[in-house]
Amino acid sequence: MKHRSITGTILYTSKKPERLDQPRGIEHFRFTHHTDGKRTLRAHCEIEEPHPSVLRDIVYSLDEHGRPMDCHVRLTVDDRFMGSGWFRFTPDGVECESHGPAIGRLSQFMPLDAPIDGMGTHPVVADGYLLALFDWAEGEKKKLRVLLPSPDHRGATPPMISEVNIDAVFLGREAVTVRAGTFAAKHFQFIDDGTSGMAGQHPPYDVWITDDADGIMLQGGVGGYMQTWYELIALER
């Protein structure tokens, strides 16, 4: 096969005092990089804590310019089917075909009068990769226009078109050691003051990715009421 693959696993743990460093979920991912420049991310995410549990599968493809092409999302919440949705992007807009017990059969189209910066699919590996698609100066802040399948902080609602405008800042470069190894890294922070379009203010979200074009999520953490931590525990390129 001519394509290049990257596979990995990210462990979710808690930073809440009563559950300090205990596992709360896991994420398995695979990037497929094709020789024509297009790429696909497949991610399987399991969130066990807090209740209710969330099980998510996504298949997300980008073109040779890093722009979204299409995405499929399937979601189970509390071990019950929540919804399945397919998104397709064109220069003029985005369409969604979705189904779930709470929404029935849903067809949406959202016209786009200006380009978006990406799609937020909710796996944390995709959060990191979104940041890798742009050039950054140290200390630079960007407001990213992103479409999501759910405005919920855990993505635990039926797949529908949602828009978020969220700030991200590049804090600098550093070496990072995780269970998967030691890497040259870029450190970012997502900032949401409650006006982004998410379902309420999101606590600051720190993200470290590999300092290369692959932009692999190495570690991350969210403070506030979430108190979560993410760490890359396995990687194969």
C-alpha atoms as a PDB file:
ATOM      1  CA  MET A   1       0.000   0.000   0.000  1.00  0.00           C
ATOM      2  CA  LYS A   2       1.255   3.487  -0.848  1.00  0.00           C
ATOM      3  CA  HIS A   3      -0.396   5.348   2.019  1.00  0.00           C
ATOM      4  CA  ARG A   4       1.315   6.156   5.318  1.00  0.00           C
ATOM      5  CA  SER A   5      -0.333   5.195   8.626  1.00  0.00           C
ATOM      6  CA  ILE A   6      -0.019   6.537  12.154  1.00  0.00           C
ATOM      7  CA  THR A   7      -1.728   4.683  14.999  1.00  0.00           C
ATOM      8  CA  GLY A   8      -1.884   5.457  18.687  1.00  0.00           C
ATOM      9  CA  THR A   9      -3.715   5.312  21.987  1.00  0.00           C
ATOM     10  CA  ILE A  10      -4.526   8.155  24.389  1.00  0.00           C
ATOM     11  CA  LEU A  11      -5.420   7.433  28.012  1.00  0.00           C
ATOM     12  CA  TYR A  12      -7.974   9.644  29.754  1.00  0.00           C
ATOM     13  CA  THR A  13      -7.458  10.149  33.492  1.00  0.00           C
ATOM     14  CA  SER A  14      -9.050  12.314  36.173  1.00  0.00           C
ATOM     15  CA  LYS A  15      -7.465  15.149  38.163  1.00  0.00           C
ATOM     16  CA  LYS A  16     -10.366  15.371  40.608  1.00  0.00           C
ATOM     17  CA  PRO A  17      -9.019  14.902  44.175  1.00  0.00           C
ATOM     18  CA  GLU A  18     -11.288  11.938  44.864  1.00  0.00           C
ATOM     19  CA  ARG A  19     -10.248  10.194  41.588  1.00  0.00           C
ATOM     20  CA  LEU A  20      -6.699  11.532  41.144  1.00  0.00           C
ATOM     21  CA  ASP A  21      -4.909   9.878  38.195  1.00  0.00           C
ATOM     22  CA  GLN A  22      -7.532   7.146  37.894  1.00  0.00           C
ATOM     23  CA  PRO A  23      -8.505   6.096  34.350  1.00  0.00           C
ATOM     24  CA  ARG A  24     -11.729   7.616  33.038  1.00  0.00           C
ATOM     25  CA  GLY A  25     -11.599   6.614  29.374  1.00  0.00           C
ATOM     26  CA  ILE A  26      -9.465   5.785  26.354  1.00  0.00           C
ATOM     27  CA  GLU A  27      -9.070   6.780  22.711  1.00  0.00           C
ATOM     28  CA  HIS A  28      -7.643   4.717  19.851  1.00  0.00           C
ATOM     29  CA  PHE A  29      -6.827   6.484  16.578  1.00  0.00           C
ATOM     30  CA  ARG A  30      -5.417   5.944  13.103  1.00  0.00           C
ATOM     31  CA  PHE A  31      -4.340   8.568  10.590  1.00  0.00           C
ATOM     32  CA  THR A  32      -4.100   7.528   6.947  1.00  0.00           C
ATOM     33  CA  HIS A  33      -1.990   9.891   4.797  1.00  0.00           C
ATOM     34  CA  HIS A  34      -2.444   9.310   1.060  1.00  0.00           C
ATOM     35  CA  THR A  35       0.036  10.137  -1.679  1.00  0.00           C
ATOM     36  CA  ASP A  36      -2.368  12.728  -3.164  1.00  0.00           C
ATOM     37  CA  GLY A  37      -2.182  14.736   0.089  1.00  0.00           C
ATOM     38  CA  LYS A  38      -5.593  13.738   1.391  1.00  0.00           C
ATOM     39  CA  ARG A  39      -5.860  12.169   4.821  1.00  0.00           C
ATOM     40  CA  THR A  40      -8.401  10.363   7.005  1.00  0.00           C
ATOM     41  CA  LEU A  41      -8.636  10.144  10.782  1.00  0.00           C
ATOM     42  CA  ARG A  42     -10.428   7.220  12.399  1.00  0.00           C
ATOM     43  CA  ALA A  43     -10.984   7.458  16.152  1.00  0.00           C
ATOM     44  CA  HIS A  44     -12.752   5.309  18.723  1.00  0.00           C
ATOM     45  CA  CYS A  45     -13.394   7.079  22.051  1.00  0.00           C
ATOM     46  CA  GLU A  46     -14.688   5.678  25.344  1.00  0.00           C
ATOM     47  CA  ILE A  47     -15.548   8.021  28.226  1.00  0.00           C
ATOM     48  CA  GLU A  48     -16.520   6.169  31.404  1.00  0.00           C
ATOM     49  CA  GLU A  49     -16.517   9.116  33.850  1.00  0.00           C
ATOM     50  CA  PRO A  50     -18.409  11.284  34.522  1.00  0.00           C
ATOM     51  CA  HIS A  51     -21.750   9.541  34.101  1.00  0.00           C
ATOM     52  CA  PRO A  52     -23.337   8.972  31.619  1.00  0.00           C
ATOM     53  CA  SER A  53     -20.723   7.079  29.641  1.00  0.00           C
ATOM     54  CA  VAL A  54     -20.008   8.091  26.042  1.00  0.00           C
ATOM     55  CA  LEU A  55     -18.892   5.817  23.203  1.00  0.00           C
ATOM     56  CA  ARG A  56     -17.963   7.585  19.940  1.00  0.00           C
ATOM     57  CA  ASP A  57     -16.690   6.462  16.545  1.00  0.00           C
ATOM     58  CA  ILE A  58     -15.655   8.969  13.898  1.00  0.00           C
ATOM     59  CA  VAL A  59     -14.237   8.784  10.373  1.00  0.00           C
ATOM     60  CA  TYR A  60     -13.072  12.242   9.260  1.00  0.00           C
ATOM     61  CA  SER A  61     -11.392  13.094   5.954  1.00  0.00           C
ATOM     62  CA  LEU A  62      -9.525  16.219   4.834  1.00  0.00           C
ATOM     63  CA  ASP A  63      -8.306  17.242   1.388  1.00  0.00           C
ATOM     64  CA  GLU A  64      -4.743  18.030   0.332  1.00  0.00           C
ATOM     65  CA  HIS A  65      -5.134  21.598   1.663  1.00  0.00           C
ATOM     66  CA  GLY A  66      -6.273  20.451   5.131  1.00  0.00           C
ATOM     67  CA  ARG A  67      -9.906  21.403   4.502  1.00  0.00           C
ATOM     68  CA  PRO A  68     -12.749  19.134   5.702  1.00  0.00           C
ATOM     69  CA  MET A  69     -14.258  16.812   3.087  1.00  0.00           C
ATOM     70  CA  ASP A  70     -16.630  14.551   5.011  1.00  0.00           C
ATOM     71  CA  CYS A  71     -17.165  13.038   8.438  1.00  0.00           C
ATOM     72  CA  HIS A  72     -19.202  10.197   9.905  1.00  0.00           C
ATOM     73  CA  VAL A  73     -20.082  10.188  13.611  1.00  0.00           C
ATOM     74  CA  ARG A  74     -21.764   7.396  15.560  1.00  0.00           C
ATOM     75  CA  LEU A  75     -22.610   7.968  19.205  1.00  0.00           C
ATOM     76  CA  THR A  76     -23.763   5.828  22.132  1.00  0.00           C
ATOM     77  CA  VAL A  77     -24.547   7.452  25.511  1.00  0.00           C
ATOM     78  CA  ASP A  78     -25.120   5.391  28.673  1.00  0.00           C
ATOM     79  CA  ASP A  79     -24.835   2.302  26.446  1.00  0.00           C
ATOM     80  CA  ARG A  80     -27.833   3.410  24.383  1.00  0.00           C
ATOM     81  CA  PHE A  81     -27.797   4.542  20.757  1.00  0.00           C
ATOM     82  CA  MET A  82     -27.816   8.353  20.609  1.00  0.00           C
ATOM     83  CA  GLY A  83     -27.377   9.035  16.907  1.00  0.00           C
ATOM     84  CA  SER A  84     -25.489   8.602  13.662  1.00  0.00           C
ATOM     85  CA  GLY A  85     -24.638  11.431  11.296  1.00  0.00           C
ATOM     86  CA  TRP A  86     -22.793  12.092   8.035  1.00  0.00           C
ATOM     87  CA  PHE A  87     -21.390  15.505   7.124  1.00  0.00           C
ATOM     88  CA  ARG A  88     -20.236  16.633   3.677  1.00  0.00           C
ATOM     89  CA  PHE A  89     -18.414  19.875   2.934  1.00  0.00           C
ATOM     90  CA  THR A  90     -18.446  21.914  -0.277  1.00  0.00           C
ATOM     91  CA  PRO A  91     -17.132  25.407  -1.068  1.00  0.00           C
ATOM     92  CA  ASP A  92     -20.694  26.705  -0.605  1.00  0.00           C
ATOM     93  CA  GLY A  93     -21.744  24.962   2.580  1.00  0.00           C
ATOM     94  CA  VAL A  94     -22.036  21.847   4.705  1.00  0.00           C
ATOM     95  CA  GLU A  95     -24.782  19.250   4.649  1.00  0.00           C
ATOM     96  CA  CYS A  96     -25.725  16.766   7.366  1.00  0.00           C
ATOM     97  CA  GLU A  97     -27.798  13.603   7.203  1.00  0.00           C
ATOM     98  CA  SER A  98     -28.489  12.343  10.700  1.00  0.00           C
ATOM     99  CA  HIS A  99     -30.713   9.999  12.659  1.00  0.00           C
ATOM    100  CA  GLY A 100     -31.342   9.351  16.328  1.00  0.00           C
ATOM    101  CA  PRO A 101     -34.155   8.441  18.734  1.00  0.00           C
ATOM    102  CA  ALA A 102     -34.508  12.027  19.958  1.00  0.00           C
ATOM    103  CA  ILE A 103     -34.350  13.738  16.521  1.00  0.00           C
ATOM    104  CA  GLY A 104     -35.774  11.172  14.129  1.00  0.00           C
ATOM    105  CA  ARG A 105     -34.511  11.508  10.550  1.00  0.00           C
ATOM    106  CA  LEU A 106     -32.827  14.884   9.989  1.00  0.00           C
ATOM    107  CA  SER A 107     -31.473  16.625   6.872  1.00  0.00           C
ATOM    108  CA  GLN A 108     -29.619  19.942   7.221  1.00  0.00           C
ATOM    109  CA  PHE A 109     -27.752  22.349   4.966  1.00  0.00           C
ATOM    110  CA  MET A 110     -25.787  25.336   6.234  1.00  0.00           C
ATOM    111  CA  PRO A 111     -24.499  27.823   3.643  1.00  0.00           C
ATOM    112  CA  LEU A 112     -20.992  29.140   4.217  1.00  0.00           C
ATOM    113  CA  ASP A 113     -20.322  32.752   3.269  1.00  0.00           C
ATOM    114  CA  ALA A 114     -16.657  32.397   4.285  1.00  0.00           C
ATOM    115  CA  PRO A 115     -14.285  29.444   4.748  1.00  0.00           C
ATOM    116  CA  ILE A 116     -14.186  27.585   8.044  1.00  0.00           C
ATOM    117  CA  ASP A 117     -10.970  26.598   9.779  1.00  0.00           C
ATOM    118  CA  GLY A 118     -11.944  22.992  10.367  1.00  0.00           C
ATOM    119  CA  MET A 119     -14.308  20.540  11.983  1.00  0.00           C
ATOM    120  CA  GLY A 120     -14.212  19.708  15.674  1.00  0.00           C
ATOM    121  CA  THR A 121     -15.109  16.041  15.876  1.00  0.00           C
ATOM    122  CA  HIS A 122     -14.557  15.701  19.702  1.00  0.00           C
ATOM    123  CA  PRO A 123     -11.755  13.077  19.840  1.00  0.00           C
ATOM    124  CA  VAL A 124      -8.850  14.847  21.545  1.00  0.00           C
ATOM    125  CA  VAL A 125      -6.440  13.693  18.825  1.00  0.00           C
ATOM    126  CA  ALA A 126      -8.523  15.760  16.390  1.00  0.00           C
ATOM    127  CA  ASP A 127      -8.296  18.814  18.669  1.00  0.00           C
ATOM    128  CA  GLY A 128      -4.528  18.636  18.414  1.00  0.00           C
ATOM    129  CA  TYR A 129      -4.489  18.009  14.676  1.00  0.00           C
ATOM    130  CA  LEU A 130      -6.700  21.042  14.035  1.00  0.00           C
ATOM    131  CA  LEU A 131      -3.988  23.230  15.573  1.00  0.00           C
ATOM    132  CA  ALA A 132      -1.296  21.607  13.401  1.00  0.00           C
ATOM    133  CA  LEU A 133      -2.994  22.820  10.209  1.00  0.00           C
ATOM    134  CA  PHE A 134      -1.926  26.468  10.720  1.00  0.00           C
ATOM    135  CA  ASP A 135       1.276  28.471  10.870  1.00  0.00           C
ATOM    136  CA  TRP A 136       1.854  30.023  14.295  1.00  0.00           C
ATOM    137  CA  ALA A 137       4.141  32.638  15.820  1.00  0.00           C
ATOM    138  CA  GLU A 138       4.962  32.190  19.501  1.00  0.00           C
ATOM    139  CA  GLY A 139       2.348  33.969  21.608  1.00  0.00           C
ATOM    140  CA  GLU A 140      -0.036  34.332  18.650  1.00  0.00           C
ATOM    141  CA  LYS A 141      -3.770  34.006  19.258  1.00  0.00           C
ATOM    142  CA  LYS A 142      -6.238  32.972  16.556  1.00  0.00           C
ATOM    143  CA  LYS A 143     -10.027  32.818  16.586  1.00  0.00           C
ATOM    144  CA  LEU A 144     -10.916  29.563  14.862  1.00  0.00           C
ATOM    145  CA  ARG A 145     -14.234  29.102  13.093  1.00  0.00           C
ATOM    146  CA  VAL A 146     -15.097  25.446  13.552  1.00  0.00           C
ATOM    147  CA  LEU A 147     -18.164  23.318  12.832  1.00  0.00           C
ATOM    148  CA  LEU A 148     -19.059  20.581  15.314  1.00  0.00           C
ATOM    149  CA  PRO A 149     -21.495  17.639  15.344  1.00  0.00           C
ATOM    150  CA  SER A 150     -22.448  18.664  18.904  1.00  0.00           C
ATOM    151  CA  PRO A 151     -21.978  21.841  21.006  1.00  0.00           C
ATOM    152  CA  ASP A 152     -21.931  19.725  24.184  1.00  0.00           C
ATOM    153  CA  HIS A 153     -18.515  19.699  25.896  1.00  0.00           C
ATOM    154  CA  ARG A 154     -18.353  15.891  25.591  1.00  0.00           C
ATOM    155  CA  GLY A 155     -20.142  15.784  22.243  1.00  0.00           C
ATOM    156  CA  ALA A 156     -22.913  13.748  23.863  1.00  0.00           C
ATOM    157  CA  THR A 157     -25.886  14.952  21.786  1.00  0.00           C
ATOM    158  CA  PRO A 158     -27.248  13.658  18.449  1.00  0.00           C
ATOM    159  CA  PRO A 159     -25.088  14.689  15.448  1.00  0.00           C
ATOM    160  CA  MET A 160     -26.225  18.037  14.019  1.00  0.00           C
ATOM    161  CA  ILE A 161     -24.498  21.070  12.494  1.00  0.00           C
ATOM    162  CA  SER A 162     -23.179  23.457  15.149  1.00  0.00           C
ATOM    163  CA  GLU A 163     -20.806  26.398  14.760  1.00  0.00           C
ATOM    164  CA  VAL A 164     -18.179  27.438  17.305  1.00  0.00           C
ATOM    165  CA  ASN A 165     -15.757  30.367  17.209  1.00  0.00           C
ATOM    166  CA  ILE A 166     -13.060  29.600  19.754  1.00  0.00           C
ATOM    167  CA  ASP A 167      -9.741  31.235  20.638  1.00  0.00           C
ATOM    168  CA  ALA A 168      -6.483  29.312  20.528  1.00  0.00           C
ATOM    169  CA  VAL A 169      -3.057  30.619  21.553  1.00  0.00           C
ATOM    170  CA  PHE A 170       0.399  29.176  20.802  1.00  0.00           C
ATOM    171  CA  LEU A 171       2.367  29.233  24.063  1.00  0.00           C
ATOM    172  CA  GLY A 172       5.686  27.945  22.739  1.00  0.00           C
ATOM    173  CA  ARG A 173       7.905  24.931  22.122  1.00  0.00           C
ATOM    174  CA  GLU A 174       9.213  22.469  24.702  1.00  0.00           C
ATOM    175  CA  ALA A 175      10.247  18.848  25.157  1.00  0.00           C
ATOM    176  CA  VAL A 176       7.482  16.585  26.456  1.00  0.00           C
ATOM    177  CA  THR A 177       7.821  13.093  27.892  1.00  0.00           C
ATOM    178  CA  VAL A 178       4.783  10.796  27.915  1.00  0.00           C
ATOM    179  CA  ARG A 179       4.440   7.039  28.174  1.00  0.00           C
ATOM    180  CA  ALA A 180       4.820   6.780  24.395  1.00  0.00           C
ATOM    181  CA  GLY A 181       8.230   8.523  24.496  1.00  0.00           C
ATOM    182  CA  THR A 182       9.930  11.931  24.520  1.00  0.00           C
ATOM    183  CA  PHE A 183       9.040  14.402  21.773  1.00  0.00           C
ATOM    184  CA  ALA A 184       9.699  17.939  20.593  1.00  0.00           C
ATOM    185  CA  ALA A 185       6.329  19.583  21.164  1.00  0.00           C
ATOM    186  CA  LYS A 186       4.220  22.677  20.605  1.00  0.00           C
ATOM    187  CA  HIS A 187       2.086  23.885  23.514  1.00  0.00           C
ATOM    188  CA  PHE A 188      -1.299  25.490  22.838  1.00  0.00           C
ATOM    189  CA  GLN A 189      -4.305  26.545  24.869  1.00  0.00           C
ATOM    190  CA  PHE A 190      -7.953  26.732  23.806  1.00  0.00           C
ATOM    191  CA  ILE A 191      -9.835  29.573  25.526  1.00  0.00           C
ATOM    192  CA  ASP A 192     -13.628  29.911  25.636  1.00  0.00           C
ATOM    193  CA  ASP A 193     -15.190  32.779  27.591  1.00  0.00           C
ATOM    194  CA  GLY A 194     -18.699  31.450  27.028  1.00  0.00           C
ATOM    195  CA  THR A 195     -19.369  33.269  23.745  1.00  0.00           C
ATOM    196  CA  SER A 196     -17.932  30.653  21.365  1.00  0.00           C
ATOM    197  CA  GLY A 197     -21.174  28.794  20.732  1.00  0.00           C
ATOM    198  CA  MET A 198     -20.423  25.807  22.948  1.00  0.00           C
ATOM    199  CA  ALA A 199     -22.963  24.765  25.567  1.00  0.00           C
ATOM    200  CA  GLY A 200     -21.616  27.121  28.230  1.00  0.00           C
ATOM    201  CA  GLN A 201     -18.141  28.349  29.083  1.00  0.00           C
ATOM    202  CA  HIS A 202     -15.415  25.732  28.594  1.00  0.00           C
ATOM    203  CA  PRO A 203     -12.526  25.718  31.097  1.00  0.00           C
ATOM    204  CA  PRO A 204      -9.045  26.467  29.644  1.00  0.00           C
ATOM    205  CA  TYR A 205      -7.804  23.472  27.651  1.00  0.00           C
ATOM    206  CA  ASP A 206      -4.028  22.958  27.287  1.00  0.00           C
ATOM    207  CA  VAL A 207      -2.817  20.844  24.379  1.00  0.00           C
ATOM    208  CA  TRP A 208       0.674  19.608  23.447  1.00  0.00           C
ATOM    209  CA  ILE A 209       1.246  18.190  19.940  1.00  0.00           C
ATOM    210  CA  THR A 210       4.305  16.888  18.114  1.00  0.00           C
ATOM    211  CA  ASP A 211       6.376  19.678  16.563  1.00  0.00           C
ATOM    212  CA  ASP A 212       6.007  18.337  13.028  1.00  0.00           C
ATOM    213  CA  ALA A 213       3.461  18.137  10.230  1.00  0.00           C
ATOM    214  CA  ASP A 214       1.761  15.093  11.804  1.00  0.00           C
ATOM    215  CA  GLY A 215       0.522  17.146  14.778  1.00  0.00           C
ATOM    216  CA  ILE A 216      -0.057  14.150  17.043  1.00  0.00           C
ATOM    217  CA  MET A 217      -1.668  14.842  20.415  1.00  0.00           C
ATOM    218  CA  LEU A 218       0.887  14.096  23.153  1.00  0.00           C
ATOM    219  CA  GLN A 219      -0.885  15.293  26.261  1.00  0.00           C
ATOM    220  CA  GLY A 220      -3.532  17.744  27.369  1.00  0.00           C
ATOM    221  CA  GLY A 221      -5.533  18.889  30.315  1.00  0.00           C
ATOM    222  CA  VAL A 222      -8.734  20.733  31.144  1.00  0.00           C
ATOM    223  CA  GLY A 223      -9.207  22.534  34.449  1.00  0.00           C
ATOM    224  CA  GLY A 224     -12.364  23.964  36.004  1.00  0.00           C
ATOM    225  CA  TYR A 225     -15.227  21.613  36.642  1.00  0.00           C
ATOM    226  CA  MET A 226     -13.837  18.991  34.217  1.00  0.00           C
ATOM    227  CA  GLN A 227     -10.419  18.236  35.806  1.00  0.00           C
ATOM    228  CA  THR A 228      -9.284  15.864  33.072  1.00  0.00           C
ATOM    229  CA  TRP A 229      -5.917  14.780  31.703  1.00  0.00           C
ATOM    230  CA  TYR A 230      -4.952  13.061  28.427  1.00  0.00           C
ATOM    231  CA  GLU A 231      -1.705  11.236  27.673  1.00  0.00           C
ATOM    232  CA  LEU A 232      -0.377   9.427  24.607  1.00  0.00           C
ATOM    233  CA  ILE A 233       0.553   5.939  25.809  1.00  0.00           C
ATOM    234  CA  ALA A 234       1.265   4.197  22.487  1.00  0.00           C
ATOM    235  CA  LEU A 235       2.354   5.394  19.043  1.00  0.00           C
ATOM    236  CA  GLU A 236       3.400   3.721  15.806  1.00  0.00           C
ATOM    237  CA  ARG A 237       4.365   5.587  12.632  1.00  0.00           C
END
